[in-house]
Protein backbone atom coordinates (compact mmCIF):
# COMPACT_ATOMS: atom_id res chain seq x y z
CA UNK A 1 64.77 141.44 87.50
CA UNK A 2 64.21 143.91 85.17
CA UNK A 3 63.58 142.84 81.53
CA UNK A 4 65.31 144.52 78.81
CA UNK A 5 62.79 145.40 75.58
CA UNK A 6 63.95 142.83 72.87
CA UNK A 7 65.73 144.21 69.73
CA UNK A 8 63.58 144.48 66.82
CA UNK A 9 64.81 142.42 63.76
CA UNK A 10 66.59 144.23 61.11
CA UNK A 11 64.21 145.18 57.75
CA UNK A 12 65.33 143.96 54.50
CA UNK A 13 63.58 145.27 51.53
CA UNK A 14 64.46 142.53 48.57
CA UNK A 15 63.78 143.53 45.10
CA UNK A 16 61.95 140.83 43.52
CA UNK A 17 60.28 137.76 44.70
CA UNK A 18 60.33 135.44 41.53
CA UNK A 19 62.22 132.20 40.64
CA UNK A 20 65.74 134.10 40.69
CA UNK A 21 65.18 135.61 44.15
CA UNK A 22 63.92 132.07 45.59
CA UNK A 23 67.53 131.18 47.60
CA UNK A 24 67.90 134.65 48.60
CA UNK A 25 64.32 134.98 50.41
CA UNK A 26 65.13 131.22 51.82
CA UNK A 27 68.45 132.77 53.28
CA UNK A 28 66.99 135.57 54.73
CA UNK A 29 63.56 133.84 56.23
CA UNK A 30 66.27 131.82 58.20
CA UNK A 31 67.19 134.68 59.96
CA UNK A 32 65.41 137.11 62.56
CA UNK A 33 64.80 139.34 60.09
CA UNK A 34 61.58 141.03 58.67
CA UNK A 35 61.68 140.49 55.42
CA UNK A 36 59.82 142.58 52.80
CA UNK A 37 59.78 141.45 48.98
CA UNK A 38 58.59 143.74 46.02
CA UNK A 39 57.61 142.77 42.80
CA UNK A 40 54.75 143.63 40.85
CA UNK A 41 53.50 139.91 39.93
CA UNK A 42 51.23 139.47 42.73
CA UNK A 43 51.41 135.61 42.76
CA UNK A 44 55.27 135.67 42.92
CA UNK A 45 56.25 132.28 44.53
CA UNK A 46 58.83 134.39 46.31
CA UNK A 47 56.14 136.19 48.72
CA UNK A 48 55.66 133.11 50.76
CA UNK A 49 59.34 133.30 51.80
CA UNK A 50 58.81 137.18 53.18
CA UNK A 51 57.31 138.83 56.22
CA UNK A 52 55.52 141.52 53.96
CA UNK A 53 54.97 141.56 50.10
CA UNK A 54 54.42 144.75 48.48
CA UNK A 55 52.80 144.22 44.88
CA UNK A 56 54.99 147.01 43.13
CA UNK A 57 57.81 146.70 40.28
CA UNK A 58 61.42 146.49 41.40
CA UNK A 59 62.45 148.74 38.25
CA UNK A 60 59.82 151.49 39.96
CA UNK A 61 62.66 153.71 41.66
CA UNK A 62 60.03 156.23 43.13
CA UNK A 63 58.42 153.58 44.24
CA UNK A 64 60.43 151.56 45.98
CA UNK A 65 62.27 154.58 47.74
CA UNK A 66 58.60 155.65 49.15
CA UNK A 67 58.46 151.86 50.15
CA UNK A 68 61.79 152.01 51.88
CA UNK A 69 61.32 155.50 53.91
CA UNK A 70 57.50 154.28 54.82
CA UNK A 71 58.77 150.79 56.33
CA UNK A 72 62.12 152.09 57.61
CA UNK A 73 63.91 149.66 56.31
CA UNK A 74 68.06 149.12 56.97
CA UNK A 75 68.82 147.46 53.26
CA UNK A 76 68.02 146.55 50.14
CA UNK A 77 69.22 144.24 47.51
CA UNK A 78 68.11 143.02 44.38
CA UNK A 79 69.33 139.47 43.86
CA UNK A 80 69.22 137.73 40.40
CA UNK A 81 68.23 140.56 38.34
CA UNK A 82 70.02 143.65 36.91
CA UNK A 83 68.38 146.76 36.63
CA UNK A 84 67.31 146.55 40.43
CA UNK A 85 70.63 146.36 41.35
CA UNK A 86 70.90 149.96 40.46
CA UNK A 87 67.94 151.07 42.31
CA UNK A 88 68.92 149.23 45.54
CA UNK A 89 72.39 150.73 45.28
CA UNK A 90 70.65 154.42 44.64
CA UNK A 91 68.27 154.16 47.22
CA UNK A 92 70.04 153.01 49.52
CA UNK A 93 72.87 156.27 49.27
CA UNK A 94 69.95 158.64 49.18
CA UNK A 95 68.54 157.00 52.76
CA UNK A 96 72.13 156.87 54.06
CA UNK A 97 71.64 152.83 54.31
CA UNK A 98 74.34 150.69 53.96
CA UNK A 99 75.55 148.95 50.63
CA UNK A 100 78.14 146.83 48.98
CA UNK A 101 78.08 148.98 45.93
CA UNK A 102 77.58 152.95 45.06
CA UNK A 103 75.27 154.24 42.74
CA UNK A 104 78.32 155.08 39.99
CA UNK A 105 79.37 151.45 40.22
CA UNK A 106 75.77 150.27 40.15
CA UNK A 107 75.96 152.55 36.67
CA UNK A 108 78.73 150.65 35.53
CA UNK A 109 77.12 147.13 36.49
CA UNK A 110 73.91 147.63 34.83
CA UNK A 111 74.70 149.64 31.79
CA UNK A 112 76.35 147.66 29.12
CA UNK A 113 77.59 150.14 26.94
CA UNK A 114 79.39 151.94 30.08
CA UNK A 115 80.93 148.86 31.16
CA UNK A 116 82.21 148.12 27.79
CA UNK A 117 84.00 151.72 28.05
CA UNK A 118 85.56 150.72 31.49
CA UNK A 119 86.91 147.34 30.75
CA UNK A 120 88.46 148.84 27.52
CA UNK A 121 90.45 151.44 29.32
CA UNK A 122 91.28 148.62 32.05
CA UNK A 123 92.13 146.34 29.11
CA UNK A 124 90.23 143.61 30.25
CA UNK A 125 89.70 140.97 27.37
CA UNK A 126 86.09 141.63 25.88
CA UNK A 127 84.51 141.47 22.61
CA UNK A 128 85.09 144.35 20.42
CA UNK A 129 82.27 147.09 19.98
CA UNK A 130 80.76 149.06 17.21
CA UNK A 131 78.39 151.79 16.09
CA UNK A 132 75.50 150.50 14.75
CA UNK A 133 76.07 152.98 11.82
CA UNK A 134 80.03 151.41 10.85
CA UNK A 135 80.65 150.08 7.63
CA UNK A 136 83.19 147.68 9.26
CA UNK A 137 80.48 146.03 11.27
CA UNK A 138 81.23 141.88 11.15
CA UNK A 139 79.15 139.38 10.43
CA UNK A 140 77.69 137.28 12.47
CA UNK A 141 77.51 139.93 15.31
CA UNK A 142 75.38 140.12 18.24
CA UNK A 143 72.76 143.13 18.73
CA UNK A 144 71.49 143.89 22.24
CA UNK A 145 69.73 146.18 24.16
CA UNK A 146 72.53 148.29 26.40
CA UNK A 147 70.36 148.17 29.75
CA UNK A 148 68.44 144.94 29.45
CA UNK A 149 68.90 141.24 31.12
CA UNK A 150 68.81 137.49 29.30
CA UNK A 151 67.63 137.57 25.74
CA UNK A 152 65.33 140.80 25.70
CA UNK A 153 66.22 143.15 23.08
CA UNK A 154 69.27 140.62 21.92
CA UNK A 155 69.79 139.30 18.42
CA UNK A 156 72.44 137.12 16.66
CA UNK A 157 72.65 138.64 13.08
CA UNK A 158 74.32 136.27 10.60
CA UNK A 159 73.41 138.29 7.62
CA UNK A 160 73.60 142.00 6.89
CA UNK A 161 69.98 142.17 5.06
CA UNK A 162 68.91 141.47 9.14
CA UNK A 163 70.82 143.81 10.78
CA UNK A 164 68.65 146.73 10.81
CA UNK A 165 65.88 145.02 11.68
CA UNK A 166 68.15 143.74 14.63
CA UNK A 167 68.92 147.28 15.84
CA UNK A 168 65.31 148.23 15.27
CA UNK A 169 64.61 145.48 18.03
CA UNK A 170 66.94 146.45 20.43
CA UNK A 171 66.21 150.19 20.34
CA UNK A 172 62.52 149.14 21.13
CA UNK A 173 63.47 147.13 24.09
CA UNK A 174 66.03 149.53 25.26
CA UNK A 175 64.88 151.49 28.25
CA UNK A 176 67.10 154.43 26.87
CA UNK A 177 66.64 153.93 23.41
CA UNK A 178 70.59 152.79 22.81
CA UNK A 179 71.56 149.91 20.83
CA UNK A 180 75.10 147.81 21.43
CA UNK A 181 76.74 145.55 18.67
CA UNK A 182 79.27 143.53 19.22
CA UNK A 183 81.21 140.91 17.58
CA UNK A 184 80.47 137.24 17.79
CA UNK A 185 82.80 135.01 20.36
CA UNK A 186 82.18 131.54 19.30
CA UNK A 187 83.09 129.58 21.88
CA UNK A 188 82.31 128.01 25.88
CA UNK A 189 80.39 129.96 28.13
CA UNK A 190 81.03 129.58 31.84
CA UNK A 191 80.06 131.58 34.54
CA UNK A 192 81.96 132.79 37.52
CA UNK A 193 80.92 133.52 40.90
CA UNK A 194 82.46 135.31 43.70
CA UNK A 195 82.15 137.46 46.47
CA UNK A 196 84.39 140.10 47.49
CA UNK A 197 85.73 141.85 50.43
CA UNK A 198 87.14 145.45 50.77
CA UNK A 199 88.25 144.61 47.27
CA UNK A 200 89.84 141.22 47.69
CA UNK A 201 88.22 138.80 45.33
CA UNK A 202 87.38 135.34 45.95
CA UNK A 203 85.99 133.06 43.13
CA UNK A 204 83.75 130.74 44.64
CA UNK A 205 82.40 128.49 41.54
CA UNK A 206 83.33 128.57 37.83
CA UNK A 207 80.41 127.01 35.73
CA UNK A 208 79.87 126.02 32.39
CA UNK A 209 76.58 127.23 30.68
CA UNK A 210 74.91 124.63 28.36
CA UNK A 211 71.89 125.37 26.30
CA UNK A 212 69.74 122.40 25.14
CA UNK A 213 68.13 123.26 21.99
CA UNK A 214 65.62 121.88 21.17
CA UNK A 215 64.97 121.08 24.67
CA UNK A 216 65.57 117.24 26.10
CA UNK A 217 62.84 115.96 27.58
CA UNK A 218 62.06 119.21 29.15
CA UNK A 219 65.24 120.51 30.09
CA UNK A 220 66.22 123.67 28.20
CA UNK A 221 69.45 125.19 30.36
CA UNK A 222 72.07 123.40 32.80
CA UNK A 223 74.70 125.19 35.04
CA UNK A 224 77.42 122.56 35.43
CA UNK A 225 79.95 122.58 37.94
CA UNK A 226 83.11 122.24 37.95
CA UNK A 227 84.00 123.66 34.24
CA UNK A 228 85.33 121.14 31.87
CA UNK A 229 87.61 123.81 30.75
CA UNK A 230 91.12 125.27 31.85
CA UNK A 231 89.70 128.19 34.53
CA UNK A 232 92.99 129.79 35.92
CA UNK A 233 92.85 132.40 32.82
CA UNK A 234 89.18 132.96 33.19
CA UNK A 235 89.04 133.64 36.79
CA UNK A 236 91.87 136.15 36.27
CA UNK A 237 89.66 137.91 33.84
CA UNK A 238 86.81 138.13 36.22
CA UNK A 239 88.58 139.09 39.01
CA UNK A 240 89.97 142.19 36.44
CA UNK A 241 86.69 142.89 35.40
CA UNK A 242 85.17 143.18 38.74
CA UNK A 243 88.28 145.45 39.54
CA UNK A 244 87.54 147.77 36.48
CA UNK A 245 83.85 148.18 37.54
CA UNK A 246 84.76 149.03 40.98
CA UNK A 247 82.89 146.16 42.57
CA UNK A 248 84.88 145.98 46.25
CA UNK A 249 82.51 144.44 48.36
CA UNK A 250 79.45 141.72 47.65
CA UNK A 251 78.65 139.27 45.27
CA UNK A 252 79.44 139.14 41.63
CA UNK A 253 78.60 137.04 38.67
CA UNK A 254 80.59 137.26 35.34
CA UNK A 255 80.08 135.66 32.39
CA UNK A 256 82.82 134.71 30.01
CA UNK A 257 83.24 132.91 26.56
CA UNK A 258 86.45 130.90 25.75
CA UNK A 259 87.06 132.52 22.24
CA UNK A 260 89.69 131.16 19.67
CA UNK A 261 93.20 130.22 21.41
CA UNK A 262 91.63 129.47 24.54
CA UNK A 263 91.67 133.62 25.19
CA UNK A 264 88.90 134.47 27.92
CA UNK A 265 86.55 137.11 26.87
CA UNK A 266 84.30 138.99 29.55
CA UNK A 267 80.86 139.20 28.29
CA UNK A 268 79.44 140.75 31.26
CA UNK A 269 79.92 140.94 35.12
CA UNK A 270 77.00 141.65 37.44
CA UNK A 271 77.39 143.21 41.19
CA UNK A 272 74.65 140.48 42.24
CA UNK A 273 73.76 136.95 42.97
CA UNK A 274 73.41 135.08 39.63
CA UNK A 275 69.29 134.13 38.50
CA UNK A 276 70.48 130.47 37.83
CA UNK A 277 70.11 129.53 41.32
CA UNK A 278 74.23 129.99 40.96
CA UNK A 279 74.24 130.71 44.98
CA UNK A 280 72.14 127.51 46.13
CA UNK A 281 75.00 125.31 43.79
CA UNK A 282 77.56 127.16 45.15
CA UNK A 283 76.52 126.29 48.79
CA UNK A 284 75.71 122.57 47.50
CA UNK A 285 79.31 122.31 45.96
CA UNK A 286 81.82 124.49 47.84
CA UNK A 287 79.71 124.69 50.97
CA UNK A 288 80.17 128.65 50.89
CA UNK A 289 76.64 130.26 51.87
CA UNK A 290 76.78 132.87 49.04
CA UNK A 291 73.00 133.76 49.69
CA UNK A 292 73.55 134.42 53.25
CA UNK A 293 76.88 136.81 52.70
CA UNK A 294 74.52 138.86 50.26
CA UNK A 295 72.01 139.47 52.82
CA UNK A 296 74.86 140.51 55.65
CA UNK A 297 76.21 142.56 53.11
CA UNK A 298 72.83 144.44 52.20
CA UNK A 299 72.57 144.96 56.09
CA UNK A 300 76.03 146.43 56.23
CA UNK A 301 76.87 143.94 58.77
CA UNK A 302 80.58 142.80 58.82
CA UNK A 303 81.91 139.90 56.77
CA UNK A 304 85.42 138.32 56.18
CA UNK A 305 86.83 136.00 53.77
CA UNK A 306 87.45 133.45 56.89
CA UNK A 307 85.05 130.90 56.37
CA UNK A 308 83.98 131.60 53.01
CA UNK A 309 86.72 129.87 50.85
CA UNK A 310 85.70 126.97 48.67
CA UNK A 311 85.79 123.71 50.66
CA UNK A 312 85.77 120.09 49.93
CA UNK A 313 82.54 118.51 50.97
CA UNK A 314 82.44 114.87 51.48
CA UNK A 315 81.11 112.83 48.48
CA UNK A 316 80.70 116.43 46.14
CA UNK A 317 82.90 116.33 43.02
CA UNK A 318 80.04 117.82 40.67
CA UNK A 319 77.24 119.61 40.79
CA UNK A 320 74.19 120.77 38.34
CA UNK A 321 71.45 122.99 38.03
CA UNK A 322 68.88 122.22 35.36
CA UNK A 323 66.45 124.20 34.44
CA UNK A 324 62.83 123.00 33.32
CA UNK A 325 60.33 123.72 30.51
CA UNK A 326 56.97 122.67 29.72
CA UNK A 327 54.66 122.42 26.89
CA UNK A 328 53.36 125.25 25.29
CA UNK A 329 49.53 126.02 26.98
CA UNK A 330 47.94 126.52 30.12
CA UNK A 331 49.08 124.13 33.03
CA UNK A 332 46.79 122.13 34.51
CA UNK A 333 49.08 120.49 37.23
CA UNK A 334 52.83 119.12 37.87
CA UNK A 335 53.56 115.66 39.00
CA UNK A 336 56.71 113.75 40.12
CA UNK A 337 58.10 116.41 42.08
CA UNK A 338 58.31 113.98 45.40
CA UNK A 339 59.27 111.32 42.95
CA UNK A 340 62.52 113.27 42.22
CA UNK A 341 63.26 114.61 44.94
CA UNK A 342 63.67 111.30 46.74
CA UNK A 343 66.26 110.19 43.98
CA UNK A 344 69.90 110.12 45.27
CA UNK A 345 72.13 113.37 45.08
CA UNK A 346 68.93 115.36 44.54
CA UNK A 347 69.22 118.72 46.97
CA UNK A 348 65.83 120.44 45.86
CA UNK A 349 63.38 120.10 42.59
CA UNK A 350 61.53 123.89 42.37
CA UNK A 351 58.50 124.27 40.43
CA UNK A 352 57.26 128.07 39.85
CA UNK A 353 54.22 128.04 38.46
CA UNK A 354 50.65 127.06 39.63
CA UNK A 355 47.88 126.04 38.02
CA UNK A 356 46.17 128.71 35.29
CA UNK A 357 49.83 129.83 34.03
CA UNK A 358 50.12 130.10 30.43
CA UNK A 359 53.15 128.84 29.38
CA UNK A 360 54.49 130.37 25.69
CA UNK A 361 57.53 129.15 23.06
CA UNK A 362 59.92 126.92 24.82
CA UNK A 363 63.32 128.60 25.91
CA UNK A 364 62.16 131.79 26.89
CA UNK A 365 63.47 132.75 30.36
CA UNK A 366 60.09 133.84 31.41
CA UNK A 367 58.73 130.18 30.74
CA UNK A 368 61.01 128.36 32.74
CA UNK A 369 58.99 125.78 34.65
CA UNK A 370 61.05 125.08 37.44
CA UNK A 371 64.76 123.69 38.19
CA UNK A 372 66.76 120.84 39.60
CA UNK A 373 69.98 120.94 42.03
CA UNK A 374 71.91 117.91 42.08
CA UNK A 375 75.48 116.58 43.39
CA UNK A 376 77.26 113.51 42.63
CA UNK A 377 80.65 112.46 43.14
CA UNK A 378 81.67 113.93 40.12
CA UNK A 379 80.44 116.31 37.52
CA UNK A 380 79.21 113.47 34.77
CA UNK A 381 77.25 111.61 37.92
CA UNK A 382 75.73 114.94 38.89
CA UNK A 383 74.31 115.75 35.40
CA UNK A 384 73.23 111.88 35.18
CA UNK A 385 71.14 112.52 38.69
CA UNK A 386 69.65 115.99 37.68
CA UNK A 387 68.67 114.46 34.32
CA UNK A 388 66.88 111.66 36.10
CA UNK A 389 64.94 113.56 38.25
CA UNK A 390 64.03 116.16 35.47
CA UNK A 391 62.73 113.37 33.46
CA UNK A 392 60.37 112.25 36.81
CA UNK A 393 58.92 115.80 36.72
CA UNK A 394 55.93 116.08 34.45
CA UNK A 395 53.75 119.22 33.49
CA UNK A 396 50.40 118.73 32.33
CA UNK A 397 49.00 121.51 30.05
CA UNK A 398 46.25 122.12 27.79
CA UNK A 399 47.53 122.86 24.61
CA UNK A 400 44.18 124.55 23.11
CA UNK A 401 42.43 125.84 26.12
CA UNK A 402 38.68 126.90 25.63
């Protein structure tokens, strides 16, 4: 009998190979795919999970397009990072590849000023926006670069005399020299992780984002599920924001603050997986493999809501991600990981850095040293287990290396 030639595996280009991309890369590696990871850091942890590595910035759009053409990829994806979302969408359009969002939607998803305009037009609740020259700017306020992620170019300004310096810092960080000035919404911060199917919005997890300052026993940030707050209006606001931006397919990540009188305010919506292991928490908490759904969506494979609805898992009523930080200095070694992973309820413990890495000031996202994912019968038990595991992990550094 004649043998039929084996169909070549699909080739997926993943933009980024750092901590925020590890879950997606693991999901892709578990399938019969050729996975190319692109990252400017030659020692990025995610390279170990890829078939090929490309040492190139995920924000280098021309370079990413050349790579995608040369390697004849069937899909591109940017998990956990904002700006490359647009790179992936635009390159996919130019190459005629399937992609969950259009280039136009990617602009709205990655440029905060444009996003604010679209949300306002749709009547989505959000902070008030001011121009930098507006004498009515309230204090305190938030000044940020409109096209940066995380804390880059962001300042909480409490006094008018500090405003000009904050604006200058945001302009210096912005890719296009712009600035966004918003009123400060005081209140709890929640994250809605969801997936959309032809415009149908399916919420998966709503987590509380908690910041420890100063860090307690090496923990800087926590994502805790389920939220301790009423979430019906939060989910409604997230769904409205996702629709306004035009995200009809694939994952979305919406940050919301609960302001006065319990009203939700949309702080940001992104057409991607969350960068804080949100998809891994989703799988552990409600049994939906959001990373795998994102891979399928990037490759243009048919996906449907069936099997993607949150479900109750035996013994799991709570889940928690704790991000770990290390003391400032040069890393010598990391200890206690196996001990931590052996504890009850620990799904995994990840450390991101190899010996020789220099940790900077605490609480900077780039200096996260690792993370713990734990589950429990309820949220309190999951948090307790995660903290106990975090206490077992030790980052040994040279504070004053020669």
